[in-house]
Amino acid sequence: MDDKKTQETNLFQSWSFTKVNYLLFGIGILTIIIGYIVMITGETTSFQSVKLAPVILVVGYCVIIPTSILYKSK
């Protein structure tokens, strides 16, 4: 019983996500949701649906989410 509790404690001590990581992840999810909303509200061939929304989605998926995973406070 004691070994299992020690393994769980070691596992969560190596988990280095902080409040900032979760905040950045939340901002990334919000950005992705906004990107999809922008895409839905635009016409099929409009600037909004064809260029703006994909840029917002790329920023959310490829910049903010990876930053939230890789960020380490000092």
C-alpha atoms as a PDB file:
ATOM      1  CA  MET A   1       0.000   0.000   0.000  1.00  0.00           C
ATOM      2  CA  ASP A   2       2.790   2.375   0.905  1.00  0.00           C
ATOM      3  CA  ASP A   3       4.685   1.749  -2.376  1.00  0.00           C
ATOM      4  CA  LYS A   4       1.612   2.594  -4.442  1.00  0.00           C
ATOM      5  CA  LYS A   5       1.140   5.884  -2.583  1.00  0.00           C
ATOM      6  CA  THR A   6       4.830   6.733  -3.099  1.00  0.00           C
ATOM      7  CA  GLN A   7       4.560   6.049  -6.859  1.00  0.00           C
ATOM      8  CA  GLU A   8       1.509   8.325  -7.141  1.00  0.00           C
ATOM      9  CA  THR A   9       3.287  11.077  -5.220  1.00  0.00           C
ATOM     10  CA  ASN A  10       6.362  10.824  -7.474  1.00  0.00           C
ATOM     11  CA  LEU A  11       4.187  10.902 -10.585  1.00  0.00           C
ATOM     12  CA  PHE A  12       2.479  14.152  -9.612  1.00  0.00           C
ATOM     13  CA  GLN A  13       5.673  15.788  -8.431  1.00  0.00           C
ATOM     14  CA  SER A  14       7.128  15.317 -11.906  1.00  0.00           C
ATOM     15  CA  TRP A  15       3.999  16.935 -13.401  1.00  0.00           C
ATOM     16  CA  SER A  16       5.357  20.452 -13.831  1.00  0.00           C
ATOM     17  CA  PHE A  17       2.236  22.266 -15.044  1.00  0.00           C
ATOM     18  CA  THR A  18       1.483  25.432 -13.151  1.00  0.00           C
ATOM     19  CA  LYS A  19      -1.402  27.859 -13.097  1.00  0.00           C
ATOM     20  CA  VAL A  20       0.199  29.724 -16.017  1.00  0.00           C
ATOM     21  CA  ASN A  21       0.229  26.558 -18.145  1.00  0.00           C
ATOM     22  CA  TYR A  22      -3.460  25.968 -17.536  1.00  0.00           C
ATOM     23  CA  LEU A  23      -4.237  29.639 -18.213  1.00  0.00           C
ATOM     24  CA  LEU A  24      -2.392  29.520 -21.545  1.00  0.00           C
ATOM     25  CA  PHE A  25      -4.164  26.278 -22.430  1.00  0.00           C
ATOM     26  CA  GLY A  26      -7.524  27.886 -21.673  1.00  0.00           C
ATOM     27  CA  ILE A  27      -6.634  30.874 -23.851  1.00  0.00           C
ATOM     28  CA  GLY A  28      -5.682  28.457 -26.628  1.00  0.00           C
ATOM     29  CA  ILE A  29      -8.999  26.612 -26.386  1.00  0.00           C
ATOM     30  CA  LEU A  30     -10.862  29.948 -26.381  1.00  0.00           C
ATOM     31  CA  THR A  31      -8.918  31.070 -29.466  1.00  0.00           C
ATOM     32  CA  ILE A  32      -9.817  27.845 -31.274  1.00  0.00           C
ATOM     33  CA  ILE A  33     -13.491  28.246 -30.379  1.00  0.00           C
ATOM     34  CA  ILE A  34     -13.431  31.849 -31.637  1.00  0.00           C
ATOM     35  CA  GLY A  35     -11.804  30.662 -34.869  1.00  0.00           C
ATOM     36  CA  TYR A  36     -14.586  28.164 -35.490  1.00  0.00           C
ATOM     37  CA  ILE A  37     -17.252  30.753 -34.679  1.00  0.00           C
ATOM     38  CA  VAL A  38     -15.671  33.196 -37.144  1.00  0.00           C
ATOM     39  CA  MET A  39     -15.611  30.452 -39.770  1.00  0.00           C
ATOM     40  CA  ILE A  40     -19.272  29.542 -39.210  1.00  0.00           C
ATOM     41  CA  THR A  41     -20.557  33.122 -39.357  1.00  0.00           C
ATOM     42  CA  GLY A  42     -18.874  34.028 -42.655  1.00  0.00           C
ATOM     43  CA  GLU A  43     -20.089  33.349 -46.158  1.00  0.00           C
ATOM     44  CA  THR A  44     -18.574  30.362 -47.968  1.00  0.00           C
ATOM     45  CA  THR A  45     -16.078  32.335 -50.068  1.00  0.00           C
ATOM     46  CA  SER A  46     -15.668  35.420 -47.868  1.00  0.00           C
ATOM     47  CA  PHE A  47     -12.396  36.747 -46.478  1.00  0.00           C
ATOM     48  CA  GLN A  48     -13.663  35.876 -43.009  1.00  0.00           C
ATOM     49  CA  SER A  49     -14.155  32.166 -43.713  1.00  0.00           C
ATOM     50  CA  VAL A  50     -11.313  31.581 -46.145  1.00  0.00           C
ATOM     51  CA  LYS A  51      -8.443  33.588 -44.620  1.00  0.00           C
ATOM     52  CA  LEU A  52      -9.195  35.042 -41.191  1.00  0.00           C
ATOM     53  CA  ALA A  53     -10.640  31.986 -39.451  1.00  0.00           C
ATOM     54  CA  PRO A  54      -7.877  29.580 -40.578  1.00  0.00           C
ATOM     55  CA  VAL A  55      -5.212  32.020 -39.341  1.00  0.00           C
ATOM     56  CA  ILE A  56      -6.928  32.231 -35.948  1.00  0.00           C
ATOM     57  CA  LEU A  57      -7.148  28.421 -35.801  1.00  0.00           C
ATOM     58  CA  VAL A  58      -3.476  27.974 -36.731  1.00  0.00           C
ATOM     59  CA  VAL A  59      -2.461  30.428 -34.006  1.00  0.00           C
ATOM     60  CA  GLY A  60      -4.573  28.511 -31.500  1.00  0.00           C
ATOM     61  CA  TYR A  61      -3.451  25.017 -32.518  1.00  0.00           C
ATOM     62  CA  CYS A  62       0.177  25.655 -33.500  1.00  0.00           C
ATOM     63  CA  VAL A  63       1.279  28.521 -31.248  1.00  0.00           C
ATOM     64  CA  ILE A  64      -0.757  28.887 -28.061  1.00  0.00           C
ATOM     65  CA  ILE A  65      -1.450  25.218 -27.207  1.00  0.00           C
ATOM     66  CA  PRO A  66       2.198  24.091 -27.717  1.00  0.00           C
ATOM     67  CA  THR A  67       3.369  27.134 -25.748  1.00  0.00           C
ATOM     68  CA  SER A  68       1.117  26.139 -22.864  1.00  0.00           C
ATOM     69  CA  ILE A  69       2.622  22.646 -22.865  1.00  0.00           C
ATOM     70  CA  LEU A  70       6.253  23.703 -23.192  1.00  0.00           C
ATOM     71  CA  TYR A  71       6.242  26.757 -20.886  1.00  0.00           C
ATOM     72  CA  LYS A  72       8.198  26.379 -17.654  1.00  0.00           C
ATOM     73  CA  SER A  73       8.356  29.074 -15.016  1.00  0.00           C
ATOM     74  CA  LYS A  74      11.692  29.851 -13.446  1.00  0.00           C
END
